Amino acid sequence: MARVVTPQPRRHAAAPRRLALKTLLWSALAAVGLVAGPTGPANAADDWPSKPIKIIVPYTPGGSTDIVTRIVMEKLGPRLKQTIIVENKPGANSSVGSAMAAKSDPDGYTFLSILPAYIINFHLYKLNYAPADLTPVVQMADLPLFLFVSEDLPVKTVADLVAYGRKHPDKLTYASSGNGSSAHLTGADFALQNKLTMTHVAYKGSAPILTDLLGGRVSMVFDPILVPMQYVKQNRLKALAFTGKERWPTEPGIPTMEEAGMPGFVTGSWAGLMAPAGTPKPIIERMAREISEIVKEPDVKQKFVDAGFLPVGGTTAQFAELMKTDSARYAEIIKQAGITVN
């Protein structure tokens, strides 16, 4: 567990006494029907945040979600003048941490960082929480993917890869960090669109994928830039294309998937924030506003790009629409590819 700690402002000694008098006054007014009595979470927004905020990351430390979250929360703590605690709760393709967040009090002191696996899980697994148990807050970043292939594979372009796959339908394998991950469904979509027979190999994390990709034991992976690109520079891997709409700023020589001959193949991962359903709207709006401003800061943008992310921000409604659109898209891929999990 890591903490982002901000010194607390000093409070006047009389503050607790004034708060107690204020509470008594409101209670008296409520008793005679002049105002509504306290209603719990809704009133919590008035003095929020008055205690540490917990951000659940449903993945191991050092992964994409963890990196994005810590970059943002390091800046958010001082803005809110409150301690922010980042807790890693990995397991079951993010569903362990997601369940914890779904069952948390909707008081504005627990949030969940997610990747697309969060919405994909609902199409593949029986979960002990429902989509309605958590509500969108804001998208933090886009995480476009590169198509990396083994150096041993006799291909130089996406067209070469497709031709090789059609000629050797039993040889192409694609890796992902787990069943239901965005890399899994991106690979499945690639196979569908090119009418290829490819074998999916699920790993527990990125490290073993890289080991087997370097060793030629798996053919390809759709993965962020951060770790594999250094091996491309060493001529130990190949990067054939990029799944973003435009070429990646630090790798202008690598074409997009559209430029490589796959129109409409613009996809990738993203990172966003959720809150337990019922969290007061003013708190959600404040979080969305603060984070949207944070990701525009030059040093944050640079950290994001260095790690393979693109800053986004925006409104809660925009993030909700993205999740809805991607959920439908992933559901169609799952259906067409006949993907099931145990």
Protein backbone atom coordinates (compact mmCIF):
# COMPACT_ATOMS: atom_id res chain seq x y z
CA MET A 1 0.00 0.00 0.00
CA ALA A 2 1.31 3.41 -0.87
CA ARG A 3 0.20 6.74 0.45
CA VAL A 4 0.07 10.18 -1.08
CA VAL A 5 0.20 12.39 1.99
CA THR A 6 -0.52 16.09 2.24
CA PRO A 7 -0.07 18.03 5.50
CA GLN A 8 -3.41 18.88 7.03
CA PRO A 9 -4.37 22.54 7.55
CA ARG A 10 -4.48 23.66 11.17
CA ARG A 11 -7.96 24.06 12.57
CA HIS A 12 -9.07 26.52 15.20
CA ALA A 13 -9.67 24.92 18.59
CA ALA A 14 -13.22 26.24 18.60
CA ALA A 15 -14.14 24.45 15.36
CA PRO A 16 -15.50 21.27 17.03
CA ARG A 17 -17.62 23.42 19.37
CA ARG A 18 -19.08 25.44 16.47
CA LEU A 19 -19.77 22.23 14.54
CA ALA A 20 -21.64 20.75 17.52
CA LEU A 21 -23.75 23.92 17.89
CA LYS A 22 -24.50 23.91 14.16
CA THR A 23 -25.58 20.27 14.32
CA LEU A 24 -27.89 20.96 17.28
CA LEU A 25 -29.43 23.94 15.48
CA TRP A 26 -30.16 21.95 12.31
CA SER A 27 -31.60 19.10 14.37
CA ALA A 28 -33.93 21.49 16.17
CA LEU A 29 -35.09 23.05 12.93
CA ALA A 30 -35.67 19.63 11.43
CA ALA A 31 -37.75 18.62 14.44
CA VAL A 32 -40.25 21.41 13.77
CA GLY A 33 -40.30 20.75 10.04
CA LEU A 34 -38.46 23.88 8.88
CA VAL A 35 -35.66 21.96 7.18
CA ALA A 36 -35.03 18.38 6.16
CA GLY A 37 -33.05 16.31 8.63
CA PRO A 38 -29.61 14.85 7.81
CA THR A 39 -29.75 12.24 5.05
CA GLY A 40 -26.28 10.69 5.27
CA PRO A 41 -24.13 10.67 2.10
CA ALA A 42 -25.87 13.64 0.47
CA ASN A 43 -24.91 15.92 3.36
CA ALA A 44 -21.40 14.49 3.44
CA ALA A 45 -20.55 16.61 0.38
CA ASP A 46 -20.78 19.80 2.47
CA ASP A 47 -17.49 19.29 4.30
CA TRP A 48 -15.89 16.74 1.97
CA PRO A 49 -13.16 15.63 2.25
CA SER A 50 -12.79 15.56 6.02
CA LYS A 51 -10.79 12.31 6.20
CA PRO A 52 -8.43 10.26 4.00
CA ILE A 53 -9.69 9.06 0.61
CA LYS A 54 -9.01 5.51 -0.54
CA ILE A 55 -8.40 4.62 -4.19
CA ILE A 56 -8.61 0.89 -4.92
CA VAL A 57 -6.41 -0.32 -7.78
CA PRO A 58 -7.55 -3.86 -8.70
CA TYR A 59 -4.14 -4.80 -10.11
CA THR A 60 -0.62 -5.37 -8.84
CA PRO A 61 1.75 -2.43 -8.26
CA GLY A 62 3.64 -1.18 -11.29
CA GLY A 63 0.99 -1.98 -13.88
CA SER A 64 -0.75 0.48 -16.19
CA THR A 65 -3.65 1.25 -13.87
CA ASP A 66 -1.36 1.62 -10.88
CA ILE A 67 0.98 4.02 -12.69
CA VAL A 68 -1.84 6.26 -13.97
CA THR A 69 -3.54 6.33 -10.59
CA ARG A 70 -0.42 7.26 -8.64
CA ILE A 71 0.56 10.03 -11.06
CA VAL A 72 -2.91 11.59 -10.72
CA MET A 73 -3.34 11.06 -6.98
CA GLU A 74 0.02 12.61 -6.22
CA LYS A 75 -1.44 15.84 -7.58
CA LEU A 76 -4.98 15.39 -6.27
CA GLY A 77 -3.98 15.16 -2.59
CA PRO A 78 -2.70 18.76 -2.36
CA ARG A 79 -5.71 20.05 -4.29
CA LEU A 80 -8.14 18.44 -1.85
CA LYS A 81 -5.88 19.16 1.16
CA GLN A 82 -6.34 15.56 2.23
CA THR A 83 -4.45 12.27 2.43
CA ILE A 84 -5.05 9.89 -0.46
CA ILE A 85 -4.33 6.21 0.06
CA VAL A 86 -3.76 3.97 -2.96
CA GLU A 87 -4.48 0.31 -2.21
CA ASN A 88 -3.65 -2.51 -4.63
CA LYS A 89 -6.23 -5.30 -4.48
CA PRO A 90 -5.46 -7.58 -7.45
CA GLY A 91 -7.20 -10.79 -8.44
CA ALA A 92 -9.65 -12.40 -10.87
CA ASN A 93 -9.08 -9.96 -13.75
CA SER A 94 -9.79 -6.95 -11.48
CA SER A 95 -13.05 -8.32 -10.04
CA VAL A 96 -11.66 -8.74 -6.50
CA GLY A 97 -10.90 -5.05 -6.09
CA SER A 98 -14.04 -4.06 -8.01
CA ALA A 99 -16.22 -6.06 -5.62
CA MET A 100 -14.61 -4.34 -2.65
CA ALA A 101 -15.38 -0.93 -4.12
CA ALA A 102 -18.94 -1.94 -5.05
CA LYS A 103 -19.65 -2.90 -1.45
CA SER A 104 -18.11 0.25 0.05
CA ASP A 105 -20.12 3.08 1.59
CA PRO A 106 -21.09 5.71 -1.01
CA ASP A 107 -19.73 8.53 1.11
CA GLY A 108 -17.06 9.86 -1.23
CA TYR A 109 -14.14 8.22 0.54
CA THR A 110 -13.72 5.14 -1.66
CA PHE A 111 -13.05 5.09 -5.40
CA LEU A 112 -11.98 2.45 -7.91
CA SER A 113 -9.45 2.76 -10.75
CA ILE A 114 -10.42 0.63 -13.75
CA LEU A 115 -9.34 -0.58 -17.18
CA PRO A 116 -11.72 -1.98 -19.85
CA ALA A 117 -11.50 -5.38 -18.12
CA TYR A 118 -14.04 -3.97 -15.65
CA ILE A 119 -16.78 -3.81 -18.31
CA ILE A 120 -15.60 -6.94 -20.12
CA ASN A 121 -15.97 -9.02 -16.96
CA PHE A 122 -19.73 -8.56 -16.98
CA HIS A 123 -19.90 -10.36 -20.34
CA LEU A 124 -17.72 -13.30 -19.27
CA TYR A 125 -18.07 -14.00 -15.55
CA LYS A 126 -20.70 -14.45 -12.89
CA LEU A 127 -19.82 -11.66 -10.48
CA ASN A 128 -20.97 -10.85 -6.98
CA TYR A 129 -21.67 -7.25 -7.96
CA ALA A 130 -23.62 -5.60 -10.79
CA PRO A 131 -22.94 -2.69 -13.17
CA ALA A 132 -25.40 -0.58 -11.18
CA ASP A 133 -23.29 -0.95 -8.02
CA LEU A 134 -20.66 1.47 -9.29
CA THR A 135 -20.96 4.74 -11.16
CA PRO A 136 -18.52 6.46 -13.56
CA VAL A 137 -16.54 9.47 -12.38
CA VAL A 138 -14.05 10.42 -15.09
CA GLN A 139 -11.68 8.97 -17.68
CA MET A 140 -8.08 9.69 -16.76
CA ALA A 141 -6.17 8.42 -19.78
CA ASP A 142 -6.14 6.55 -23.05
CA LEU A 143 -3.75 3.64 -23.32
CA PRO A 144 -3.24 2.80 -27.02
CA LEU A 145 -1.56 -0.49 -27.89
CA PHE A 146 1.25 -1.50 -30.20
CA LEU A 147 1.34 -4.74 -32.14
CA PHE A 148 4.60 -6.40 -31.08
CA VAL A 149 5.76 -9.61 -32.73
CA SER A 150 8.59 -12.02 -32.09
CA GLU A 151 11.85 -11.28 -33.91
CA ASP A 152 11.80 -14.90 -35.09
CA LEU A 153 8.56 -14.38 -37.00
CA PRO A 154 9.39 -13.86 -40.72
CA VAL A 155 7.25 -10.73 -41.14
CA LYS A 156 7.92 -7.00 -41.41
CA THR A 157 4.43 -5.53 -41.83
CA VAL A 158 0.86 -6.21 -40.79
CA ALA A 159 0.16 -7.45 -44.31
CA ASP A 160 3.05 -9.90 -43.96
CA LEU A 161 1.63 -11.10 -40.65
CA VAL A 162 -1.82 -11.69 -42.12
CA ALA A 163 -0.35 -13.55 -45.12
CA TYR A 164 1.79 -15.69 -42.81
CA GLY A 165 -1.21 -16.48 -40.61
CA ARG A 166 -3.30 -17.59 -43.58
CA LYS A 167 -0.50 -19.77 -44.88
CA HIS A 168 0.25 -21.26 -41.43
CA PRO A 169 -3.10 -21.31 -39.60
CA ASP A 170 -1.76 -23.52 -36.81
CA LYS A 171 1.30 -21.44 -35.96
CA LEU A 172 0.15 -17.96 -34.90
CA THR A 173 -0.37 -17.41 -31.17
CA TYR A 174 -1.23 -14.19 -29.39
CA ALA A 175 -0.62 -13.37 -25.74
CA SER A 176 -2.55 -11.37 -23.18
CA SER A 177 -2.37 -10.72 -19.46
CA GLY A 178 -5.50 -12.76 -18.90
CA ASN A 179 -8.85 -13.94 -20.26
CA GLY A 180 -11.08 -10.95 -20.78
CA SER A 181 -8.30 -8.37 -20.86
CA SER A 182 -8.39 -5.69 -23.55
CA ALA A 183 -5.28 -7.27 -25.13
CA HIS A 184 -7.16 -10.58 -25.35
CA LEU A 185 -10.15 -9.06 -27.12
CA THR A 186 -7.98 -6.85 -29.33
CA GLY A 187 -6.14 -9.96 -30.52
CA ALA A 188 -9.41 -11.77 -31.06
CA ASP A 189 -10.75 -8.83 -33.06
CA PHE A 190 -7.59 -8.80 -35.19
CA ALA A 191 -8.10 -12.50 -35.95
CA LEU A 192 -11.78 -11.99 -36.78
CA GLN A 193 -11.23 -9.09 -39.12
CA ASN A 194 -8.47 -10.90 -41.00
CA LYS A 195 -10.17 -14.32 -40.94
CA LEU A 196 -7.23 -15.89 -39.13
CA THR A 197 -7.08 -18.91 -36.87
CA MET A 198 -4.97 -17.85 -33.91
CA THR A 199 -4.45 -19.43 -30.50
CA HIS A 200 -4.84 -17.20 -27.45
CA VAL A 201 -2.31 -17.73 -24.64
CA ALA A 202 -3.28 -16.16 -21.32
CA TYR A 203 -0.54 -15.14 -18.89
CA LYS A 204 -0.56 -13.86 -15.33
CA GLY A 205 0.96 -10.47 -15.96
CA SER A 206 3.23 -8.78 -18.48
CA ALA A 207 6.62 -10.15 -17.39
CA PRO A 208 6.08 -13.75 -18.54
CA ILE A 209 4.57 -12.51 -21.82
CA LEU A 210 7.74 -10.59 -22.58
CA THR A 211 9.92 -13.58 -21.70
CA ASP A 212 8.05 -15.87 -24.08
CA LEU A 213 7.79 -13.24 -26.81
CA LEU A 214 11.55 -12.69 -26.70
CA GLY A 215 12.07 -16.44 -26.73
CA GLY A 216 9.78 -16.95 -29.71
CA ARG A 217 7.38 -19.15 -27.74
CA VAL A 218 4.47 -16.85 -28.52
CA SER A 219 4.02 -14.97 -31.81
CA MET A 220 2.56 -11.59 -30.91
CA VAL A 221 0.90 -9.35 -28.37
CA PHE A 222 -1.03 -6.09 -28.35
CA ASP A 223 0.65 -4.22 -25.51
CA PRO A 224 1.44 -0.68 -24.31
CA ILE A 225 4.73 0.89 -25.30
CA LEU A 226 6.39 1.14 -21.88
CA VAL A 227 8.38 -2.12 -21.59
CA PRO A 228 8.47 -3.89 -25.00
CA MET A 229 9.69 -0.89 -27.02
CA GLN A 230 13.16 -1.02 -25.49
CA TYR A 231 13.55 -4.50 -26.99
CA VAL A 232 12.44 -3.19 -30.37
CA LYS A 233 15.33 -0.71 -30.15
CA GLN A 234 17.65 -3.65 -29.49
CA ASN A 235 16.28 -5.53 -32.54
CA ARG A 236 14.94 -8.28 -30.28
CA LEU A 237 11.26 -7.57 -31.06
CA LYS A 238 9.35 -5.93 -33.91
CA ALA A 239 6.66 -3.26 -33.59
CA LEU A 240 4.44 -3.53 -36.67
CA ALA A 241 1.70 -1.01 -35.95
CA PHE A 242 -0.08 1.20 -33.44
CA THR A 243 -3.79 1.02 -32.55
CA GLY A 244 -4.31 4.76 -32.01
CA LYS A 245 -5.95 7.19 -34.42
CA GLU A 246 -2.66 8.98 -35.03
CA ARG A 247 0.95 7.84 -34.79
CA TRP A 248 2.51 7.80 -31.33
CA PRO A 249 4.46 11.06 -30.77
CA THR A 250 7.76 9.41 -29.83
CA GLU A 251 7.53 6.66 -32.48
CA PRO A 252 6.50 8.44 -35.70
CA GLY A 253 8.02 5.72 -37.86
CA ILE A 254 5.50 3.10 -36.74
CA PRO A 255 2.23 3.21 -38.77
CA THR A 256 -1.23 3.08 -37.31
CA MET A 257 -3.27 -0.07 -37.88
CA GLU A 258 -5.41 1.92 -40.32
CA GLU A 259 -2.33 2.97 -42.27
CA ALA A 260 -1.15 -0.64 -42.20
CA GLY A 261 -4.24 -1.79 -44.07
CA MET A 262 -6.95 -2.23 -41.44
CA PRO A 263 -9.50 0.61 -41.78
CA GLY A 264 -11.42 1.29 -38.58
CA PHE A 265 -9.05 -0.70 -36.37
CA VAL A 266 -8.67 2.04 -33.76
CA THR A 267 -8.72 0.55 -30.32
CA GLY A 268 -6.81 0.24 -27.11
CA SER A 269 -7.18 0.43 -23.39
CA TRP A 270 -8.00 3.31 -21.06
CA ALA A 271 -7.96 4.13 -17.37
CA GLY A 272 -10.83 5.69 -15.46
CA LEU A 273 -12.27 6.23 -12.02
CA MET A 274 -15.48 4.80 -10.55
CA ALA A 275 -17.36 5.37 -7.30
CA PRO A 276 -19.89 3.32 -5.35
CA ALA A 277 -23.42 4.01 -6.58
CA GLY A 278 -25.09 6.66 -4.47
CA THR A 279 -21.95 8.72 -3.95
CA PRO A 280 -23.12 12.37 -3.77
CA LYS A 281 -23.16 14.02 -7.17
CA PRO A 282 -21.24 17.13 -5.98
CA ILE A 283 -18.37 14.89 -4.89
CA ILE A 284 -18.31 13.04 -8.22
CA GLU A 285 -18.38 16.34 -10.10
CA ARG A 286 -15.57 17.74 -7.95
CA MET A 287 -13.41 14.66 -8.55
CA ALA A 288 -14.05 14.80 -12.31
CA ARG A 289 -13.24 18.49 -12.45
CA GLU A 290 -10.04 18.24 -10.39
CA ILE A 291 -8.71 15.24 -12.30
CA SER A 292 -9.52 16.82 -15.67
CA GLU A 293 -7.43 19.82 -14.66
CA ILE A 294 -4.61 17.65 -13.31
CA VAL A 295 -4.12 15.68 -16.54
CA LYS A 296 -3.69 18.95 -18.45
CA GLU A 297 -0.68 19.96 -16.36
CA PRO A 298 2.52 19.82 -18.49
CA ASP A 299 4.48 17.60 -16.08
CA VAL A 300 1.60 15.14 -15.80
CA LYS A 301 1.17 15.01 -19.58
CA GLN A 302 4.88 14.28 -19.96
CA LYS A 303 4.77 11.51 -17.35
CA PHE A 304 1.77 10.00 -19.12
CA VAL A 305 3.43 10.03 -22.54
CA ASP A 306 6.64 8.58 -21.10
CA ALA A 307 4.61 5.71 -19.65
CA GLY A 308 2.54 5.19 -22.82
CA PHE A 309 -0.64 7.07 -21.90
CA LEU A 310 -2.52 9.99 -23.39
CA PRO A 311 -4.24 12.37 -20.93
CA VAL A 312 -8.01 12.67 -21.37
CA GLY A 313 -10.15 14.04 -18.53
CA GLY A 314 -13.59 15.35 -19.49
CA THR A 315 -17.01 14.91 -17.94
CA THR A 316 -18.66 12.04 -16.15
CA ALA A 317 -21.19 11.79 -18.98
CA GLN A 318 -18.42 11.41 -21.56
CA PHE A 319 -16.81 8.60 -19.59
CA ALA A 320 -20.16 6.87 -19.15
CA GLU A 321 -20.73 7.02 -22.92
CA LEU A 322 -17.28 5.56 -23.60
CA MET A 323 -17.99 2.67 -21.25
CA LYS A 324 -21.36 2.04 -22.88
CA THR A 325 -19.90 2.06 -26.41
CA ASP A 326 -16.96 -0.16 -25.50
CA SER A 327 -19.17 -2.58 -23.61
CA ALA A 328 -21.28 -3.12 -26.73
CA ARG A 329 -18.18 -3.47 -28.92
CA TYR A 330 -16.51 -6.00 -26.63
CA ALA A 331 -19.75 -7.96 -26.28
CA GLU A 332 -19.88 -8.32 -30.08
CA ILE A 333 -16.26 -9.50 -30.25
CA ILE A 334 -16.90 -12.04 -27.50
CA LYS A 335 -19.97 -13.31 -29.35
CA GLN A 336 -18.33 -13.54 -32.78
CA ALA A 337 -15.14 -15.13 -31.45
CA GLY A 338 -17.06 -17.53 -29.20
CA ILE A 339 -14.96 -16.54 -26.18
CA THR A 340 -15.79 -18.27 -22.93
CA VAL A 341 -13.95 -18.61 -19.62
CA ASN A 342 -13.99 -21.29 -16.95
